[in-house]
Amino acid sequence: MDSSKAQEELNKIGIGNKVEIWGGFDGFPAHTNRIEKLLSFDTTSVTVERPTGRGLEGRQESEVLYYSAIFSIKKPETTEPREALGGLFRGKL
């Protein structure tokens, strides 16, 4: 995804809010998505709460996703994980 477009979308969503990110990450060749809390972003990447696991002292860990692996960034229609919706994606990218 273009860095300028990504930062524009992330500015609209705002730090601390949930963000839906579609991309080719997680070691899968197909599109996968994440709905995570937006922690920060810069000119090359976005940092979200890590979807699984906790760090030392039980604190939630963060994960960096690079724009080059991201196809779409938007405000989620729901904050429920896709698995909770039966694993089916019925919306548009």
PDB file of N, CA and C in Angstrom:
ATOM      1  N   MET A   1       0.849  -1.167   0.000  1.00  0.00           N
ATOM      2  CA  MET A   1       0.000   0.000   0.000  1.00  0.00           C
ATOM      3  C   MET A   1       0.896   1.232   0.000  1.00  0.00           C
ATOM      4  N   ASP A   2       0.460   2.262  -0.677  1.00  0.00           N
ATOM      5  CA  ASP A   2       1.181   3.524  -0.723  1.00  0.00           C
ATOM      6  C   ASP A   2       1.252   4.138   0.678  1.00  0.00           C
ATOM      7  N   SER A   3       2.439   4.584   1.065  1.00  0.00           N
ATOM      8  CA  SER A   3       2.666   5.143   2.400  1.00  0.00           C
ATOM      9  C   SER A   3       1.773   6.344   2.690  1.00  0.00           C
ATOM     10  N   SER A   4       1.637   7.250   1.730  1.00  0.00           N
ATOM     11  CA  SER A   4       0.814   8.450   1.943  1.00  0.00           C
ATOM     12  C   SER A   4      -0.647   8.087   2.168  1.00  0.00           C
ATOM     13  N   LYS A   5      -1.169   7.170   1.352  1.00  0.00           N
ATOM     14  CA  LYS A   5      -2.558   6.729   1.477  1.00  0.00           C
ATOM     15  C   LYS A   5      -2.778   6.018   2.818  1.00  0.00           C
ATOM     16  N   ALA A   6      -1.826   5.180   3.200  1.00  0.00           N
ATOM     17  CA  ALA A   6      -1.935   4.456   4.467  1.00  0.00           C
ATOM     18  C   ALA A   6      -1.980   5.424   5.644  1.00  0.00           C
ATOM     19  N   GLN A   7      -1.082   6.400   5.655  1.00  0.00           N
ATOM     20  CA  GLN A   7      -1.041   7.367   6.749  1.00  0.00           C
ATOM     21  C   GLN A   7      -2.306   8.224   6.789  1.00  0.00           C
ATOM     22  N   GLU A   8      -2.843   8.544   5.619  1.00  0.00           N
ATOM     23  CA  GLU A   8      -4.093   9.313   5.548  1.00  0.00           C
ATOM     24  C   GLU A   8      -5.233   8.544   6.211  1.00  0.00           C
ATOM     25  N   GLU A   9      -5.349   7.251   5.876  1.00  0.00           N
ATOM     26  CA  GLU A   9      -6.403   6.413   6.459  1.00  0.00           C
ATOM     27  C   GLU A   9      -6.209   6.252   7.967  1.00  0.00           C
ATOM     28  N   LEU A  10      -4.974   6.044   8.400  1.00  0.00           N
ATOM     29  CA  LEU A  10      -4.693   5.860   9.822  1.00  0.00           C
ATOM     30  C   LEU A  10      -4.964   7.128  10.616  1.00  0.00           C
ATOM     31  N   ASN A  11      -4.696   8.292  10.023  1.00  0.00           N
ATOM     32  CA  ASN A  11      -5.015   9.564  10.679  1.00  0.00           C
ATOM     33  C   ASN A  11      -6.514   9.699  10.908  1.00  0.00           C
ATOM     34  N   LYS A  12      -7.317   9.242   9.936  1.00  0.00           N
ATOM     35  CA  LYS A  12      -8.776   9.297  10.063  1.00  0.00           C
ATOM     36  C   LYS A  12      -9.265   8.397  11.201  1.00  0.00           C
ATOM     37  N   ILE A  13      -8.648   7.237  11.338  1.00  0.00           N
ATOM     38  CA  ILE A  13      -9.066   6.257  12.346  1.00  0.00           C
ATOM     39  C   ILE A  13      -8.639   6.699  13.742  1.00  0.00           C
ATOM     40  N   GLY A  14      -7.396   7.125  13.881  1.00  0.00           N
ATOM     41  CA  GLY A  14      -6.898   7.640  15.156  1.00  0.00           C
ATOM     42  C   GLY A  14      -6.253   6.601  16.056  1.00  0.00           C
ATOM     43  N   ILE A  15      -5.176   7.013  16.699  1.00  0.00           N
ATOM     44  CA  ILE A  15      -4.453   6.165  17.641  1.00  0.00           C
ATOM     45  C   ILE A  15      -5.396   5.742  18.773  1.00  0.00           C
ATOM     46  N   GLY A  16      -5.308   4.473  19.159  1.00  0.00           N
ATOM     47  CA  GLY A  16      -6.124   3.954  20.253  1.00  0.00           C
ATOM     48  C   GLY A  16      -7.423   3.319  19.805  1.00  0.00           C
ATOM     49  N   ASN A  17      -7.799   3.524  18.543  1.00  0.00           N
ATOM     50  CA  ASN A  17      -9.026   2.935  18.006  1.00  0.00           C
ATOM     51  C   ASN A  17      -8.712   1.640  17.272  1.00  0.00           C
ATOM     52  N   LYS A  18      -9.748   0.858  17.016  1.00  0.00           N
ATOM     53  CA  LYS A  18      -9.581  -0.377  16.252  1.00  0.00           C
ATOM     54  C   LYS A  18      -9.398  -0.049  14.776  1.00  0.00           C
ATOM     55  N   VAL A  19      -8.545  -0.829  14.110  1.00  0.00           N
ATOM     56  CA  VAL A  19      -8.278  -0.668  12.689  1.00  0.00           C
ATOM     57  C   VAL A  19      -8.354  -2.048  12.032  1.00  0.00           C
ATOM     58  N   GLU A  20      -8.921  -2.100  10.833  1.00  0.00           N
ATOM     59  CA  GLU A  20      -8.970  -3.348  10.072  1.00  0.00           C
ATOM     60  C   GLU A  20      -7.915  -3.271   8.988  1.00  0.00           C
ATOM     61  N   ILE A  21      -7.000  -4.226   8.994  1.00  0.00           N
ATOM     62  CA  ILE A  21      -5.891  -4.246   8.046  1.00  0.00           C
ATOM     63  C   ILE A  21      -5.942  -5.550   7.263  1.00  0.00           C
ATOM     64  N   TRP A  22      -5.939  -5.432   5.933  1.00  0.00           N
ATOM     65  CA  TRP A  22      -5.880  -6.584   5.036  1.00  0.00           C
ATOM     66  C   TRP A  22      -4.508  -6.597   4.399  1.00  0.00           C
ATOM     67  N   GLY A  23      -3.906  -7.794   4.310  1.00  0.00           N
ATOM     68  CA  GLY A  23      -2.595  -7.855   3.689  1.00  0.00           C
ATOM     69  C   GLY A  23      -2.098  -9.269   3.496  1.00  0.00           C
ATOM     70  N   GLY A  24      -0.903  -9.350   2.968  1.00  0.00           N
ATOM     71  CA  GLY A  24      -0.245 -10.630   2.735  1.00  0.00           C
ATOM     72  C   GLY A  24       0.795 -10.874   3.807  1.00  0.00           C
ATOM     73  N   PHE A  25       0.367 -10.945   5.051  1.00  0.00           N
ATOM     74  CA  PHE A  25       1.272 -11.209   6.158  1.00  0.00           C
ATOM     75  C   PHE A  25       0.858 -12.498   6.844  1.00  0.00           C
ATOM     76  N   ASP A  26       1.452 -12.835   7.947  1.00  0.00           N
ATOM     77  CA  ASP A  26       1.171 -14.066   8.703  1.00  0.00           C
ATOM     78  C   ASP A  26       1.645 -15.322   7.984  1.00  0.00           C
ATOM     79  N   GLY A  27       2.514 -15.190   6.987  1.00  0.00           N
ATOM     80  CA  GLY A  27       3.044 -16.350   6.299  1.00  0.00           C
ATOM     81  C   GLY A  27       2.082 -17.004   5.324  1.00  0.00           C
ATOM     82  N   PHE A  28       0.966 -16.353   5.041  1.00  0.00           N
ATOM     83  CA  PHE A  28      -0.009 -16.891   4.097  1.00  0.00           C
ATOM     84  C   PHE A  28       0.104 -16.147   2.770  1.00  0.00           C
ATOM     85  N   PRO A  29      -0.014 -16.853   1.645  1.00  0.00           N
ATOM     86  CA  PRO A  29       0.046 -16.167   0.353  1.00  0.00           C
ATOM     87  C   PRO A  29      -1.238 -15.403   0.033  1.00  0.00           C
ATOM     88  N   ALA A  30      -2.344 -15.820   0.617  1.00  0.00           N
ATOM     89  CA  ALA A  30      -3.628 -15.166   0.341  1.00  0.00           C
ATOM     90  C   ALA A  30      -3.815 -13.966   1.259  1.00  0.00           C
ATOM     91  N   HIS A  31      -4.844 -13.205   0.992  1.00  0.00           N
ATOM     92  CA  HIS A  31      -5.171 -12.051   1.831  1.00  0.00           C
ATOM     93  C   HIS A  31      -5.659 -12.530   3.190  1.00  0.00           C
ATOM     94  N   THR A  32      -5.138 -11.947   4.236  1.00  0.00           N
ATOM     95  CA  THR A  32      -5.632 -12.189   5.584  1.00  0.00           C
ATOM     96  C   THR A  32      -5.953 -10.840   6.206  1.00  0.00           C
ATOM     97  N   ASN A  33      -6.702 -10.845   7.271  1.00  0.00           N
ATOM     98  CA  ASN A  33      -7.049  -9.567   7.886  1.00  0.00           C
ATOM     99  C   ASN A  33      -6.822  -9.583   9.381  1.00  0.00           C
ATOM    100  N   ARG A  34      -6.716  -8.396   9.915  1.00  0.00           N
ATOM    101  CA  ARG A  34      -6.586  -8.192  11.351  1.00  0.00           C
ATOM    102  C   ARG A  34      -7.510  -7.057  11.753  1.00  0.00           C
ATOM    103  N   ILE A  35      -8.136  -7.180  12.895  1.00  0.00           N
ATOM    104  CA  ILE A  35      -8.838  -6.059  13.525  1.00  0.00           C
ATOM    105  C   ILE A  35      -8.159  -5.896  14.872  1.00  0.00           C
ATOM    106  N   GLU A  36      -7.345  -4.867  14.972  1.00  0.00           N
ATOM    107  CA  GLU A  36      -6.514  -4.659  16.152  1.00  0.00           C
ATOM    108  C   GLU A  36      -6.543  -3.207  16.586  1.00  0.00           C
ATOM    109  N   LYS A  37      -6.094  -2.958  17.792  1.00  0.00           N
ATOM    110  CA  LYS A  37      -5.977  -1.601  18.318  1.00  0.00           C
ATOM    111  C   LYS A  37      -4.752  -0.932  17.695  1.00  0.00           C
ATOM    112  N   LEU A  38      -4.953   0.262  17.144  1.00  0.00           N
ATOM    113  CA  LEU A  38      -3.877   1.029  16.517  1.00  0.00           C
ATOM    114  C   LEU A  38      -3.043   1.696  17.601  1.00  0.00           C
ATOM    115  N   LEU A  39      -1.748   1.372  17.636  1.00  0.00           N
ATOM    116  CA  LEU A  39      -0.857   1.940  18.646  1.00  0.00           C
ATOM    117  C   LEU A  39      -0.051   3.118  18.111  1.00  0.00           C
ATOM    118  N   SER A  40       0.470   2.988  16.886  1.00  0.00           N
ATOM    119  CA  SER A  40       1.252   4.069  16.278  1.00  0.00           C
ATOM    120  C   SER A  40       1.473   3.763  14.803  1.00  0.00           C
ATOM    121  N   PHE A  41       1.978   4.766  14.075  1.00  0.00           N
ATOM    122  CA  PHE A  41       2.362   4.555  12.683  1.00  0.00           C
ATOM    123  C   PHE A  41       3.381   5.610  12.287  1.00  0.00           C
ATOM    124  N   ASP A  42       4.150   5.283  11.238  1.00  0.00           N
ATOM    125  CA  ASP A  42       5.133   6.227  10.714  1.00  0.00           C
ATOM    126  C   ASP A  42       5.143   6.121   9.195  1.00  0.00           C
ATOM    127  N   THR A  43       6.222   6.532   8.555  1.00  0.00           N
ATOM    128  CA  THR A  43       6.261   6.569   7.092  1.00  0.00           C
ATOM    129  C   THR A  43       6.398   5.197   6.445  1.00  0.00           C
ATOM    130  N   THR A  44       6.767   4.158   7.201  1.00  0.00           N
ATOM    131  CA  THR A  44       6.964   2.834   6.610  1.00  0.00           C
ATOM    132  C   THR A  44       6.086   1.730   7.185  1.00  0.00           C
ATOM    133  N   SER A  45       5.509   1.956   8.374  1.00  0.00           N
ATOM    134  CA  SER A  45       4.812   0.855   9.038  1.00  0.00           C
ATOM    135  C   SER A  45       3.750   1.344  10.015  1.00  0.00           C
ATOM    136  N   VAL A  46       2.946   0.382  10.448  1.00  0.00           N
ATOM    137  CA  VAL A  46       1.915   0.621  11.463  1.00  0.00           C
ATOM    138  C   VAL A  46       2.156  -0.379  12.597  1.00  0.00           C
ATOM    139  N   THR A  47       1.953   0.063  13.822  1.00  0.00           N
ATOM    140  CA  THR A  47       2.115  -0.809  14.981  1.00  0.00           C
ATOM    141  C   THR A  47       0.750  -1.025  15.622  1.00  0.00           C
ATOM    142  N   VAL A  48       0.396  -2.311  15.800  1.00  0.00           N
ATOM    143  CA  VAL A  48      -0.883  -2.690  16.397  1.00  0.00           C
ATOM    144  C   VAL A  48      -0.620  -3.605  17.584  1.00  0.00           C
ATOM    145  N   GLU A  49      -1.643  -3.775  18.431  1.00  0.00           N
ATOM    146  CA  GLU A  49      -1.517  -4.757  19.502  1.00  0.00           C
ATOM    147  C   GLU A  49      -1.388  -6.133  18.877  1.00  0.00           C
ATOM    148  N   ARG A  50      -0.486  -6.912  19.395  1.00  0.00           N
ATOM    149  CA  ARG A  50      -0.286  -8.262  18.882  1.00  0.00           C
ATOM    150  C   ARG A  50      -1.539  -9.091  19.152  1.00  0.00           C
ATOM    151  N   PRO A  51      -2.005  -9.842  18.151  1.00  0.00           N
ATOM    152  CA  PRO A  51      -3.273 -10.563  18.314  1.00  0.00           C
ATOM    153  C   PRO A  51      -3.231 -11.688  19.342  1.00  0.00           C
ATOM    154  N   THR A  52      -2.051 -12.269  19.577  1.00  0.00           N
ATOM    155  CA  THR A  52      -1.948 -13.351  20.552  1.00  0.00           C
ATOM    156  C   THR A  52      -0.712 -13.144  21.404  1.00  0.00           C
ATOM    157  N   GLY A  53      -0.734 -13.698  22.562  1.00  0.00           N
ATOM    158  CA  GLY A  53       0.441 -13.672  23.425  1.00  0.00           C
ATOM    159  C   GLY A  53       0.577 -12.408  24.240  1.00  0.00           C
ATOM    160  N   ARG A  54       1.281 -12.556  25.311  1.00  0.00           N
ATOM    161  CA  ARG A  54       1.556 -11.435  26.197  1.00  0.00           C
ATOM    162  C   ARG A  54       3.043 -11.439  26.503  1.00  0.00           C
ATOM    163  N   GLY A  55       3.565 -10.264  26.736  1.00  0.00           N
ATOM    164  CA  GLY A  55       4.976 -10.130  27.054  1.00  0.00           C
ATOM    165  C   GLY A  55       5.224 -10.314  28.537  1.00  0.00           C
ATOM    166  N   LEU A  56       6.365  -9.843  28.975  1.00  0.00           N
ATOM    167  CA  LEU A  56       6.716  -9.909  30.382  1.00  0.00           C
ATOM    168  C   LEU A  56       5.704  -9.151  31.220  1.00  0.00           C
ATOM    169  N   GLU A  57       5.477  -9.627  32.398  1.00  0.00           N
ATOM    170  CA  GLU A  57       4.559  -9.005  33.348  1.00  0.00           C
ATOM    171  C   GLU A  57       3.124  -8.950  32.830  1.00  0.00           C
ATOM    172  N   GLY A  58       2.781  -9.807  31.857  1.00  0.00           N
ATOM    173  CA  GLY A  58       1.418  -9.884  31.356  1.00  0.00           C
ATOM    174  C   GLY A  58       0.973  -8.748  30.462  1.00  0.00           C
ATOM    175  N   ARG A  59       1.902  -7.883  30.060  1.00  0.00           N
ATOM    176  CA  ARG A  59       1.522  -6.759  29.196  1.00  0.00           C
ATOM    177  C   ARG A  59       1.325  -7.227  27.759  1.00  0.00           C
ATOM    178  N   GLN A  60       0.363  -6.620  27.092  1.00  0.00           N
ATOM    179  CA  GLN A  60       0.092  -6.927  25.690  1.00  0.00           C
ATOM    180  C   GLN A  60       1.281  -6.494  24.841  1.00  0.00           C
ATOM    181  N   GLU A  61       1.717  -7.353  23.935  1.00  0.00           N
ATOM    182  CA  GLU A  61       2.823  -7.028  23.046  1.00  0.00           C
ATOM    183  C   GLU A  61       2.306  -6.339  21.796  1.00  0.00           C
ATOM    184  N   SER A  62       3.195  -5.641  21.114  1.00  0.00           N
ATOM    185  CA  SER A  62       2.825  -4.968  19.873  1.00  0.00           C
ATOM    186  C   SER A  62       3.434  -5.693  18.679  1.00  0.00           C
ATOM    187  N   GLU A  63       2.920  -5.379  17.495  1.00  0.00           N
ATOM    188  CA  GLU A  63       3.418  -5.975  16.256  1.00  0.00           C
ATOM    189  C   GLU A  63       3.504  -4.891  15.191  1.00  0.00           C
ATOM    190  N   VAL A  64       4.590  -4.908  14.440  1.00  0.00           N
ATOM    191  CA  VAL A  64       4.806  -3.942  13.368  1.00  0.00           C
ATOM    192  C   VAL A  64       4.438  -4.594  12.042  1.00  0.00           C
ATOM    193  N   LEU A  65       3.573  -3.923  11.268  1.00  0.00           N
ATOM    194  CA  LEU A  65       3.194  -4.381   9.928  1.00  0.00           C
ATOM    195  C   LEU A  65       3.641  -3.316   8.931  1.00  0.00           C
ATOM    196  N   TYR A  66       4.366  -3.733   7.911  1.00  0.00           N
ATOM    197  CA  TYR A  66       4.891  -2.787   6.926  1.00  0.00           C
ATOM    198  C   TYR A  66       3.882  -2.546   5.808  1.00  0.00           C
ATOM    199  N   TYR A  67       3.808  -1.300   5.351  1.00  0.00           N
ATOM    200  CA  TYR A  67       2.856  -0.922   4.303  1.00  0.00           C
ATOM    201  C   TYR A  67       3.034  -1.765   3.043  1.00  0.00           C
ATOM    202  N   SER A  68       4.259  -2.212   2.768  1.00  0.00           N
ATOM    203  CA  SER A  68       4.513  -3.011   1.567  1.00  0.00           C
ATOM    204  C   SER A  68       3.749  -4.341   1.585  1.00  0.00           C
ATOM    205  N   ALA A  69       3.345  -4.814   2.764  1.00  0.00           N
ATOM    206  CA  ALA A  69       2.588  -6.065   2.887  1.00  0.00           C
ATOM    207  C   ALA A  69       1.094  -5.826   3.077  1.00  0.00           C
ATOM    208  N   ILE A  70       0.679  -4.551   3.110  1.00  0.00           N
ATOM    209  CA  ILE A  70      -0.716  -4.204   3.387  1.00  0.00           C
ATOM    210  C   ILE A  70      -1.437  -3.817   2.102  1.00  0.00           C
ATOM    211  N   PHE A  71      -2.647  -4.350   1.921  1.00  0.00           N
ATOM    212  CA  PHE A  71      -3.471  -4.036   0.750  1.00  0.00           C
ATOM    213  C   PHE A  71      -4.533  -2.992   1.063  1.00  0.00           C
ATOM    214  N   SER A  72      -5.077  -3.031   2.284  1.00  0.00           N
ATOM    215  CA  SER A  72      -6.194  -2.165   2.629  1.00  0.00           C
ATOM    216  C   SER A  72      -6.174  -1.845   4.120  1.00  0.00           C
ATOM    217  N   ILE A  73      -6.498  -0.582   4.440  1.00  0.00           N
ATOM    218  CA  ILE A  73      -6.636  -0.140   5.828  1.00  0.00           C
ATOM    219  C   ILE A  73      -7.958   0.605   5.927  1.00  0.00           C
ATOM    220  N   LYS A  74      -8.773   0.238   6.916  1.00  0.00           N
ATOM    221  CA  LYS A  74     -10.036   0.950   7.093  1.00  0.00           C
ATOM    222  C   LYS A  74     -10.519   0.804   8.528  1.00  0.00           C
ATOM    223  N   LYS A  75     -11.503   1.612   8.872  1.00  0.00           N
ATOM    224  CA  LYS A  75     -12.171   1.489  10.165  1.00  0.00           C
ATOM    225  C   LYS A  75     -13.067   0.260  10.074  1.00  0.00           C
ATOM    226  N   PRO A  76     -13.000  -0.640  11.035  1.00  0.00           N
ATOM    227  CA  PRO A  76     -13.798  -1.867  10.943  1.00  0.00           C
ATOM    228  C   PRO A  76     -15.295  -1.606  11.093  1.00  0.00           C
ATOM    229  N   GLU A  77     -16.084  -2.401  10.370  1.00  0.00           N
ATOM    230  CA  GLU A  77     -17.540  -2.334  10.497  1.00  0.00           C
ATOM    231  C   GLU A  77     -17.965  -2.936  11.825  1.00  0.00           C
ATOM    232  N   THR A  78     -17.179  -3.876  12.315  1.00  0.00           N
ATOM    233  CA  THR A  78     -17.403  -4.529  13.597  1.00  0.00           C
ATOM    234  C   THR A  78     -16.052  -4.758  14.240  1.00  0.00           C
ATOM    235  N   THR A  79     -16.012  -4.882  15.540  1.00  0.00           N
ATOM    236  CA  THR A  79     -14.749  -5.179  16.205  1.00  0.00           C
ATOM    237  C   THR A  79     -14.625  -6.661  16.531  1.00  0.00           C
ATOM    238  N   GLU A  80     -15.599  -7.460  16.094  1.00  0.00           N
ATOM    239  CA  GLU A  80     -15.541  -8.900  16.303  1.00  0.00           C
ATOM    240  C   GLU A  80     -14.562  -9.515  15.316  1.00  0.00           C
ATOM    241  N   PRO A  81     -13.727 -10.452  15.768  1.00  0.00           N
ATOM    242  CA  PRO A  81     -12.843 -11.149  14.831  1.00  0.00           C
ATOM    243  C   PRO A  81     -13.664 -11.897  13.790  1.00  0.00           C
ATOM    244  N   ARG A  82     -13.114 -12.061  12.611  1.00  0.00           N
ATOM    245  CA  ARG A  82     -13.825 -12.758  11.533  1.00  0.00           C
ATOM    246  C   ARG A  82     -14.232 -14.164  11.948  1.00  0.00           C
ATOM    247  N   GLU A  83     -13.424 -14.827  12.778  1.00  0.00           N
ATOM    248  CA  GLU A  83     -13.763 -16.181  13.210  1.00  0.00           C
ATOM    249  C   GLU A  83     -15.100 -16.184  13.954  1.00  0.00           C
ATOM    250  N   ALA A  84     -15.371 -15.126  14.701  1.00  0.00           N
ATOM    251  CA  ALA A  84     -16.629 -15.030  15.445  1.00  0.00           C
ATOM    252  C   ALA A  84     -17.815 -14.843  14.512  1.00  0.00           C
ATOM    253  N   LEU A  85     -17.542 -14.433  13.285  1.00  0.00           N
ATOM    254  CA  LEU A  85     -18.603 -14.248  12.297  1.00  0.00           C
ATOM    255  C   LEU A  85     -18.723 -15.460  11.381  1.00  0.00           C
ATOM    256  N   GLY A  86     -18.215 -16.592  11.816  1.00  0.00           N
ATOM    257  CA  GLY A  86     -18.291 -17.808  11.027  1.00  0.00           C
ATOM    258  C   GLY A  86     -17.177 -17.931  10.012  1.00  0.00           C
ATOM    259  N   GLY A  87     -16.173 -17.072  10.098  1.00  0.00           N
ATOM    260  CA  GLY A  87     -15.038 -17.149   9.197  1.00  0.00           C
ATOM    261  C   GLY A  87     -15.328 -16.671   7.791  1.00  0.00           C
ATOM    262  N   LEU A  88     -16.497 -16.125   7.557  1.00  0.00           N
ATOM    263  CA  LEU A  88     -16.851 -15.681   6.214  1.00  0.00           C
ATOM    264  C   LEU A  88     -16.768 -14.172   6.126  1.00  0.00           C
ATOM    265  N   PHE A  89     -16.156 -13.694   5.064  1.00  0.00           N
ATOM    266  CA  PHE A  89     -16.077 -12.252   4.842  1.00  0.00           C
ATOM    267  C   PHE A  89     -17.111 -11.889   3.797  1.00  0.00           C
ATOM    268  N   ARG A  90     -18.068 -11.055   4.175  1.00  0.00           N
ATOM    269  CA  ARG A  90     -19.158 -10.712   3.265  1.00  0.00           C
ATOM    270  C   ARG A  90     -19.080  -9.269   2.791  1.00  0.00           C
ATOM    271  N   GLY A  91     -18.114  -8.526   3.288  1.00  0.00           N
ATOM    272  CA  GLY A  91     -17.987  -7.121   2.903  1.00  0.00           C
ATOM    273  C   GLY A  91     -17.077  -6.930   1.711  1.00  0.00           C
ATOM    274  N   LYS A  92     -16.745  -5.676   1.450  1.00  0.00           N
ATOM    275  CA  LYS A  92     -15.850  -5.342   0.352  1.00  0.00           C
ATOM    276  C   LYS A  92     -14.529  -4.868   0.923  1.00  0.00           C
ATOM    277  N   LEU A  93     -13.478  -5.070   0.169  1.00  0.00           N
ATOM    278  CA  LEU A  93     -12.171  -4.518   0.536  1.00  0.00           C
ATOM    279  C   LEU A  93     -12.164  -3.051   0.277  1.00  0.00           C
TER     280      LEU A  93
END
